[in-house]
Amino acid sequence: LSPVFGWLSDRLGRLPVLLGGQALLLAALVTAW
């Protein structure tokens, strides 16, 4: 899905997608925990 995230970063801005990525990482870690 990297092209999707690239498209979103162009449309929504770099920081919102970066923060969304951190939210996904946090969700992954909570699920592992």
PDB file of all heavy atoms in Angstrom:
ATOM      1  N   LEU A   1       0.806  -1.220   0.000  1.00  0.00           N
ATOM      2  CA  LEU A   1       0.000   0.000   0.000  1.00  0.00           C
ATOM      3  C   LEU A   1       0.840   1.272   0.000  1.00  0.00           C
ATOM      4  O   LEU A   1       0.308   2.362   0.215  1.00  0.00           O
ATOM      5  CB  LEU A   1      -0.937   0.006   1.223  1.00  0.00           C
ATOM      6  CG  LEU A   1      -2.013  -1.080   1.254  1.00  0.00           C
ATOM      7  CD1 LEU A   1      -2.916  -0.890   2.471  1.00  0.00           C
ATOM      8  CD2 LEU A   1      -2.848  -1.062  -0.025  1.00  0.00           C
ATOM      9  N   SER A   2       2.141   1.141  -0.263  1.00  0.00           N
ATOM     10  CA  SER A   2       2.971   2.345  -0.245  1.00  0.00           C
ATOM     11  C   SER A   2       2.518   3.411  -1.243  1.00  0.00           C
ATOM     12  O   SER A   2       2.560   4.609  -0.918  1.00  0.00           O
ATOM     13  CB  SER A   2       4.439   1.975  -0.480  1.00  0.00           C
ATOM     14  OG  SER A   2       4.609   1.239  -1.668  1.00  0.00           O
ATOM     15  N   PRO A   3       2.048   3.051  -2.464  1.00  0.00           N
ATOM     16  CA  PRO A   3       1.533   4.118  -3.344  1.00  0.00           C
ATOM     17  C   PRO A   3       0.337   4.859  -2.759  1.00  0.00           C
ATOM     18  O   PRO A   3       0.166   6.051  -3.007  1.00  0.00           O
ATOM     19  CB  PRO A   3       1.145   3.360  -4.625  1.00  0.00           C
ATOM     20  CG  PRO A   3       1.989   2.134  -4.616  1.00  0.00           C
ATOM     21  CD  PRO A   3       2.082   1.753  -3.167  1.00  0.00           C
ATOM     22  N   VAL A   4      -0.481   4.136  -1.989  1.00  0.00           N
ATOM     23  CA  VAL A   4      -1.625   4.795  -1.345  1.00  0.00           C
ATOM     24  C   VAL A   4      -1.148   5.817  -0.321  1.00  0.00           C
ATOM     25  O   VAL A   4      -1.642   6.954  -0.268  1.00  0.00           O
ATOM     26  CB  VAL A   4      -2.539   3.739  -0.674  1.00  0.00           C
ATOM     27  CG1 VAL A   4      -3.658   4.425   0.117  1.00  0.00           C
ATOM     28  CG2 VAL A   4      -3.101   2.781  -1.702  1.00  0.00           C
ATOM     29  N   PHE A   5      -0.168   5.440   0.486  1.00  0.00           N
ATOM     30  CA  PHE A   5       0.352   6.380   1.483  1.00  0.00           C
ATOM     31  C   PHE A   5       1.071   7.549   0.814  1.00  0.00           C
ATOM     32  O   PHE A   5       1.027   8.678   1.309  1.00  0.00           O
ATOM     33  CB  PHE A   5       1.297   5.651   2.442  1.00  0.00           C
ATOM     34  CG  PHE A   5       0.607   4.640   3.327  1.00  0.00           C
ATOM     35  CD1 PHE A   5       1.053   3.329   3.410  1.00  0.00           C
ATOM     36  CD2 PHE A   5      -0.495   5.005   4.079  1.00  0.00           C
ATOM     37  CE1 PHE A   5       0.419   2.402   4.206  1.00  0.00           C
ATOM     38  CE2 PHE A   5      -1.143   4.086   4.891  1.00  0.00           C
ATOM     39  CZ  PHE A   5      -0.686   2.775   4.957  1.00  0.00           C
ATOM     40  N   GLY A   6       1.741   7.286  -0.318  1.00  0.00           N
ATOM     41  CA  GLY A   6       2.366   8.375  -1.051  1.00  0.00           C
ATOM     42  C   GLY A   6       1.340   9.358  -1.576  1.00  0.00           C
ATOM     43  O   GLY A   6       1.513  10.581  -1.479  1.00  0.00           O
ATOM     44  N   TRP A   7       0.266   8.830  -2.142  1.00  0.00           N
ATOM     45  CA  TRP A   7      -0.828   9.680  -2.649  1.00  0.00           C
ATOM     46  C   TRP A   7      -1.466  10.480  -1.512  1.00  0.00           C
ATOM     47  O   TRP A   7      -1.732  11.686  -1.657  1.00  0.00           O
ATOM     48  CB  TRP A   7      -1.862   8.798  -3.346  1.00  0.00           C
ATOM     49  CG  TRP A   7      -3.031   9.551  -3.901  1.00  0.00           C
ATOM     50  CD1 TRP A   7      -3.106  10.230  -5.089  1.00  0.00           C
ATOM     51  CD2 TRP A   7      -4.318   9.709  -3.274  1.00  0.00           C
ATOM     52  NE1 TRP A   7      -4.340  10.796  -5.235  1.00  0.00           N
ATOM     53  CE2 TRP A   7      -5.110  10.492  -4.143  1.00  0.00           C
ATOM     54  CE3 TRP A   7      -4.860   9.258  -2.075  1.00  0.00           C
ATOM     55  CZ2 TRP A   7      -6.429  10.830  -3.841  1.00  0.00           C
ATOM     56  CZ3 TRP A   7      -6.173   9.600  -1.768  1.00  0.00           C
ATOM     57  CH2 TRP A   7      -6.940  10.383  -2.643  1.00  0.00           C
ATOM     58  N   LEU A   8      -1.700   9.824  -0.384  1.00  0.00           N
ATOM     59  CA  LEU A   8      -2.307  10.519   0.757  1.00  0.00           C
ATOM     60  C   LEU A   8      -1.395  11.621   1.286  1.00  0.00           C
ATOM     61  O   LEU A   8      -1.869  12.696   1.680  1.00  0.00           O
ATOM     62  CB  LEU A   8      -2.613   9.524   1.876  1.00  0.00           C
ATOM     63  CG  LEU A   8      -3.791   8.572   1.633  1.00  0.00           C
ATOM     64  CD1 LEU A   8      -3.881   7.539   2.752  1.00  0.00           C
ATOM     65  CD2 LEU A   8      -5.102   9.357   1.521  1.00  0.00           C
ATOM     66  N   SER A   9      -0.078  11.371   1.298  1.00  0.00           N
ATOM     67  CA  SER A   9       0.835  12.406   1.804  1.00  0.00           C
ATOM     68  C   SER A   9       0.851  13.625   0.890  1.00  0.00           C
ATOM     69  O   SER A   9       1.076  14.746   1.346  1.00  0.00           O
ATOM     70  CB  SER A   9       2.252  11.837   1.962  1.00  0.00           C
ATOM     71  OG  SER A   9       2.871  11.637   0.711  1.00  0.00           O
ATOM     72  N   ASP A  10       0.624  13.410  -0.403  1.00  0.00           N
ATOM     73  CA  ASP A  10       0.518  14.544  -1.326  1.00  0.00           C
ATOM     74  C   ASP A  10      -0.791  15.300  -1.139  1.00  0.00           C
ATOM     75  O   ASP A  10      -0.834  16.529  -1.273  1.00  0.00           O
ATOM     76  CB  ASP A  10       0.607  14.046  -2.783  1.00  0.00           C
ATOM     77  CG  ASP A  10       1.991  13.579  -3.176  1.00  0.00           C
ATOM     78  OD1 ASP A  10       2.977  14.058  -2.575  1.00  0.00           O
ATOM     79  OD2 ASP A  10       2.096  12.734  -4.076  1.00  0.00           O
ATOM     80  N   ARG A  11      -1.861  14.573  -0.846  1.00  0.00           N
ATOM     81  CA  ARG A  11      -3.188  15.203  -0.749  1.00  0.00           C
ATOM     82  C   ARG A  11      -3.466  15.781   0.643  1.00  0.00           C
ATOM     83  O   ARG A  11      -4.006  16.880   0.770  1.00  0.00           O
ATOM     84  CB  ARG A  11      -4.274  14.167  -1.092  1.00  0.00           C
ATOM     85  CG  ARG A  11      -4.243  13.676  -2.529  1.00  0.00           C
ATOM     86  CD  ARG A  11      -4.501  14.804  -3.522  1.00  0.00           C
ATOM     87  NE  ARG A  11      -4.516  14.321  -4.904  1.00  0.00           N
ATOM     88  CZ  ARG A  11      -3.450  14.199  -5.669  1.00  0.00           C
ATOM     89  NH1 ARG A  11      -2.251  14.486  -5.171  1.00  0.00           N
ATOM     90  NH2 ARG A  11      -3.558  13.780  -6.910  1.00  0.00           N
ATOM     91  N   LEU A  12      -3.127  15.035   1.671  1.00  0.00           N
ATOM     92  CA  LEU A  12      -3.463  15.450   3.036  1.00  0.00           C
ATOM     93  C   LEU A  12      -2.328  16.180   3.737  1.00  0.00           C
ATOM     94  O   LEU A  12      -2.553  16.866   4.737  1.00  0.00           O
ATOM     95  CB  LEU A  12      -3.865  14.232   3.877  1.00  0.00           C
ATOM     96  CG  LEU A  12      -5.018  13.377   3.343  1.00  0.00           C
ATOM     97  CD1 LEU A  12      -5.282  12.200   4.277  1.00  0.00           C
ATOM     98  CD2 LEU A  12      -6.279  14.215   3.160  1.00  0.00           C
ATOM     99  N   GLY A  13      -1.105  15.998   3.246  1.00  0.00           N
ATOM    100  CA  GLY A  13       0.056  16.585   3.906  1.00  0.00           C
ATOM    101  C   GLY A  13       0.930  15.513   4.521  1.00  0.00           C
ATOM    102  O   GLY A  13       0.461  14.414   4.846  1.00  0.00           O
ATOM    103  N   ARG A  14       2.211  15.834   4.688  1.00  0.00           N
ATOM    104  CA  ARG A  14       3.160  14.838   5.205  1.00  0.00           C
ATOM    105  C   ARG A  14       2.873  14.489   6.663  1.00  0.00           C
ATOM    106  O   ARG A  14       2.882  13.316   7.046  1.00  0.00           O
ATOM    107  CB  ARG A  14       4.595  15.363   5.089  1.00  0.00           C
ATOM    108  CG  ARG A  14       4.960  16.053   3.788  1.00  0.00           C
ATOM    109  CD  ARG A  14       4.763  15.208   2.569  1.00  0.00           C
ATOM    110  NE  ARG A  14       5.277  15.891   1.386  1.00  0.00           N
ATOM    111  CZ  ARG A  14       4.898  15.626   0.144  1.00  0.00           C
ATOM    112  NH1 ARG A  14       3.981  14.688  -0.086  1.00  0.00           N
ATOM    113  NH2 ARG A  14       5.412  16.283  -0.882  1.00  0.00           N
ATOM    114  N   LEU A  15       2.636  15.507   7.498  1.00  0.00           N
ATOM    115  CA  LEU A  15       2.483  15.250   8.937  1.00  0.00           C
ATOM    116  C   LEU A  15       1.255  14.401   9.262  1.00  0.00           C
ATOM    117  O   LEU A  15       1.366  13.466  10.069  1.00  0.00           O
ATOM    118  CB  LEU A  15       2.442  16.569   9.700  1.00  0.00           C
ATOM    119  CG  LEU A  15       2.401  16.447  11.226  1.00  0.00           C
ATOM    120  CD1 LEU A  15       3.627  15.685  11.733  1.00  0.00           C
ATOM    121  CD2 LEU A  15       2.325  17.826  11.880  1.00  0.00           C
ATOM    122  N   PRO A  16       0.071  14.675   8.688  1.00  0.00           N
ATOM    123  CA  PRO A  16      -1.073  13.815   9.007  1.00  0.00           C
ATOM    124  C   PRO A  16      -0.832  12.342   8.682  1.00  0.00           C
ATOM    125  O   PRO A  16      -1.224  11.458   9.456  1.00  0.00           O
ATOM    126  CB  PRO A  16      -2.198  14.398   8.138  1.00  0.00           C
ATOM    127  CG  PRO A  16      -1.833  15.832   7.951  1.00  0.00           C
ATOM    128  CD  PRO A  16      -0.344  15.830   7.858  1.00  0.00           C
ATOM    129  N   VAL A  17      -0.180  12.061   7.543  1.00  0.00           N
ATOM    130  CA  VAL A  17       0.082  10.662   7.190  1.00  0.00           C
ATOM    131  C   VAL A  17       1.141  10.071   8.113  1.00  0.00           C
ATOM    132  O   VAL A  17       1.054   8.906   8.509  1.00  0.00           O
ATOM    133  CB  VAL A  17       0.514  10.554   5.716  1.00  0.00           C
ATOM    134  CG1 VAL A  17       0.861   9.110   5.357  1.00  0.00           C
ATOM    135  CG2 VAL A  17      -0.591  11.059   4.800  1.00  0.00           C
ATOM    136  N   LEU A  18       2.129  10.874   8.485  1.00  0.00           N
ATOM    137  CA  LEU A  18       3.147  10.404   9.436  1.00  0.00           C
ATOM    138  C   LEU A  18       2.503  10.055  10.770  1.00  0.00           C
ATOM    139  O   LEU A  18       2.808   9.008  11.366  1.00  0.00           O
ATOM    140  CB  LEU A  18       4.212  11.481   9.625  1.00  0.00           C
ATOM    141  CG  LEU A  18       5.314  11.189  10.651  1.00  0.00           C
ATOM    142  CD1 LEU A  18       6.077   9.924  10.280  1.00  0.00           C
ATOM    143  CD2 LEU A  18       6.274  12.359  10.759  1.00  0.00           C
ATOM    144  N   LEU A  19       1.615  10.905  11.251  1.00  0.00           N
ATOM    145  CA  LEU A  19       0.926  10.621  12.515  1.00  0.00           C
ATOM    146  C   LEU A  19       0.013   9.403  12.379  1.00  0.00           C
ATOM    147  O   LEU A  19      -0.123   8.614  13.322  1.00  0.00           O
ATOM    148  CB  LEU A  19       0.126  11.844  12.955  1.00  0.00           C
ATOM    149  CG  LEU A  19       0.958  13.076  13.330  1.00  0.00           C
ATOM    150  CD1 LEU A  19       0.050  14.252  13.705  1.00  0.00           C
ATOM    151  CD2 LEU A  19       1.914  12.760  14.475  1.00  0.00           C
ATOM    152  N   GLY A  20      -0.604   9.254  11.199  1.00  0.00           N
ATOM    153  CA  GLY A  20      -1.398   8.053  10.964  1.00  0.00           C
ATOM    154  C   GLY A  20      -0.534   6.801  11.008  1.00  0.00           C
ATOM    155  O   GLY A  20      -0.951   5.763  11.532  1.00  0.00           O
ATOM    156  N   GLY A  21       0.690   6.917  10.468  1.00  0.00           N
ATOM    157  CA  GLY A  21       1.619   5.798  10.542  1.00  0.00           C
ATOM    158  C   GLY A  21       1.984   5.458  11.974  1.00  0.00           C
ATOM    159  O   GLY A  21       2.077   4.276  12.340  1.00  0.00           O
ATOM    160  N   GLN A  22       2.189   6.470  12.787  1.00  0.00           N
ATOM    161  CA  GLN A  22       2.501   6.216  14.195  1.00  0.00           C
ATOM    162  C   GLN A  22       1.313   5.569  14.915  1.00  0.00           C
ATOM    163  O   GLN A  22       1.495   4.705  15.782  1.00  0.00           O
ATOM    164  CB  GLN A  22       2.880   7.528  14.889  1.00  0.00           C
ATOM    165  CG  GLN A  22       4.134   8.185  14.354  1.00  0.00           C
ATOM    166  CD  GLN A  22       5.339   7.272  14.399  1.00  0.00           C
ATOM    167  OE1 GLN A  22       5.733   6.810  15.461  1.00  0.00           O
ATOM    168  NE2 GLN A  22       5.934   7.005  13.235  1.00  0.00           N
ATOM    169  N   ALA A  23       0.099   5.967  14.528  1.00  0.00           N
ATOM    170  CA  ALA A  23      -1.094   5.350  15.117  1.00  0.00           C
ATOM    171  C   ALA A  23      -1.165   3.864  14.746  1.00  0.00           C
ATOM    172  O   ALA A  23      -1.526   3.022  15.574  1.00  0.00           O
ATOM    173  CB  ALA A  23      -2.347   6.084  14.640  1.00  0.00           C
ATOM    174  N   LEU A  24      -0.805   3.543  13.507  1.00  0.00           N
ATOM    175  CA  LEU A  24      -0.792   2.142  13.084  1.00  0.00           C
ATOM    176  C   LEU A  24       0.280   1.354  13.833  1.00  0.00           C
ATOM    177  O   LEU A  24       0.056   0.200  14.237  1.00  0.00           O
ATOM    178  CB  LEU A  24      -0.554   2.056  11.580  1.00  0.00           C
ATOM    179  CG  LEU A  24      -1.722   2.470  10.680  1.00  0.00           C
ATOM    180  CD1 LEU A  24      -1.262   2.626   9.237  1.00  0.00           C
ATOM    181  CD2 LEU A  24      -2.845   1.434  10.763  1.00  0.00           C
ATOM    182  N   LEU A  25       1.459   1.960  14.012  1.00  0.00           N
ATOM    183  CA  LEU A  25       2.509   1.291  14.788  1.00  0.00           C
ATOM    184  C   LEU A  25       2.049   1.050  16.225  1.00  0.00           C
ATOM    185  O   LEU A  25       2.284  -0.023  16.794  1.00  0.00           O
ATOM    186  CB  LEU A  25       3.785   2.143  14.783  1.00  0.00           C
ATOM    187  CG  LEU A  25       4.561   2.236  13.471  1.00  0.00           C
ATOM    188  CD1 LEU A  25       5.745   3.188  13.627  1.00  0.00           C
ATOM    189  CD2 LEU A  25       5.049   0.865  13.018  1.00  0.00           C
ATOM    190  N   LEU A  26       1.405   2.055  16.810  1.00  0.00           N
ATOM    191  CA  LEU A  26       0.912   1.907  18.181  1.00  0.00           C
ATOM    192  C   LEU A  26      -0.141   0.804  18.269  1.00  0.00           C
ATOM    193  O   LEU A  26      -0.136  -0.002  19.211  1.00  0.00           O
ATOM    194  CB  LEU A  26       0.329   3.237  18.665  1.00  0.00           C
ATOM    195  CG  LEU A  26      -0.100   3.298  20.139  1.00  0.00           C
ATOM    196  CD1 LEU A  26       1.086   3.010  21.053  1.00  0.00           C
ATOM    197  CD2 LEU A  26      -0.701   4.662  20.464  1.00  0.00           C
ATOM    198  N   ALA A  27      -1.026   0.748  17.267  1.00  0.00           N
ATOM    199  CA  ALA A  27      -2.043  -0.313  17.248  1.00  0.00           C
ATOM    200  C   ALA A  27      -1.387  -1.688  17.145  1.00  0.00           C
ATOM    201  O   ALA A  27      -1.823  -2.655  17.779  1.00  0.00           O
ATOM    202  CB  ALA A  27      -3.000  -0.087  16.077  1.00  0.00           C
ATOM    203  N   ALA A  28      -0.315  -1.769  16.352  1.00  0.00           N
ATOM    204  CA  ALA A  28       0.404  -3.031  16.220  1.00  0.00           C
ATOM    205  C   ALA A  28       1.022  -3.458  17.547  1.00  0.00           C
ATOM    206  O   ALA A  28       0.954  -4.637  17.940  1.00  0.00           O
ATOM    207  CB  ALA A  28       1.496  -2.891  15.156  1.00  0.00           C
ATOM    208  N   LEU A  29       1.627  -2.511  18.242  1.00  0.00           N
ATOM    209  CA  LEU A  29       2.291  -2.826  19.505  1.00  0.00           C
ATOM    210  C   LEU A  29       1.289  -3.182  20.598  1.00  0.00           C
ATOM    211  O   LEU A  29       1.539  -4.081  21.417  1.00  0.00           O
ATOM    212  CB  LEU A  29       3.150  -1.639  19.936  1.00  0.00           C
ATOM    213  CG  LEU A  29       4.289  -1.279  18.971  1.00  0.00           C
ATOM    214  CD1 LEU A  29       4.986   0.000  19.412  1.00  0.00           C
ATOM    215  CD2 LEU A  29       5.292  -2.426  18.868  1.00  0.00           C
ATOM    216  N   VAL A  30       0.152  -2.492  20.628  1.00  0.00           N
ATOM    217  CA  VAL A  30      -0.890  -2.820  21.606  1.00  0.00           C
ATOM    218  C   VAL A  30      -1.439  -4.220  21.342  1.00  0.00           C
ATOM    219  O   VAL A  30      -1.673  -5.005  22.273  1.00  0.00           O
ATOM    220  CB  VAL A  30      -2.022  -1.768  21.558  1.00  0.00           C
ATOM    221  CG1 VAL A  30      -3.225  -2.233  22.377  1.00  0.00           C
ATOM    222  CG2 VAL A  30      -1.528  -0.421  22.069  1.00  0.00           C
ATOM    223  N   THR A  31      -1.622  -4.549  20.054  1.00  0.00           N
ATOM    224  CA  THR A  31      -2.108  -5.886  19.706  1.00  0.00           C
ATOM    225  C   THR A  31      -1.107  -6.954  20.114  1.00  0.00           C
ATOM    226  O   THR A  31      -1.482  -8.016  20.629  1.00  0.00           O
ATOM    227  CB  THR A  31      -2.366  -5.962  18.186  1.00  0.00           C
ATOM    228  OG1 THR A  31      -3.290  -4.938  17.805  1.00  0.00           O
ATOM    229  CG2 THR A  31      -2.937  -7.327  17.810  1.00  0.00           C
ATOM    230  N   ALA A  32       0.189  -6.681  19.907  1.00  0.00           N
ATOM    231  CA  ALA A  32       1.226  -7.632  20.328  1.00  0.00           C
ATOM    232  C   ALA A  32       1.261  -7.755  21.844  1.00  0.00           C
ATOM    233  O   ALA A  32       1.473  -8.859  22.388  1.00  0.00           O
ATOM    234  CB  ALA A  32       2.582  -7.174  19.807  1.00  0.00           C
ATOM    235  N   TRP A  33       1.067  -6.659  22.523  1.00  0.00           N
ATOM    236  CA  TRP A  33       1.096  -6.640  23.988  1.00  0.00           C
ATOM    237  C   TRP A  33      -0.052  -7.459  24.579  1.00  0.00           C
ATOM    238  O   TRP A  33       0.142  -8.281  25.466  1.00  0.00           O
ATOM    239  CB  TRP A  33       1.034  -5.188  24.456  1.00  0.00           C
ATOM    240  CG  TRP A  33       0.904  -4.998  25.935  1.00  0.00           C
ATOM    241  CD1 TRP A  33       1.535  -5.689  26.922  1.00  0.00           C
ATOM    242  CD2 TRP A  33       0.065  -4.041  26.591  1.00  0.00           C
ATOM    243  NE1 TRP A  33       1.160  -5.213  28.164  1.00  0.00           N
ATOM    244  CE2 TRP A  33       0.261  -4.195  27.978  1.00  0.00           C
ATOM    245  CE3 TRP A  33      -0.802  -3.054  26.137  1.00  0.00           C
ATOM    246  CZ2 TRP A  33      -0.411  -3.413  28.911  1.00  0.00           C
ATOM    247  CZ3 TRP A  33      -1.456  -2.273  27.063  1.00  0.00           C
ATOM    248  CH2 TRP A  33      -1.254  -2.448  28.439  1.00  0.00           C
TER     249      TRP A  33
END
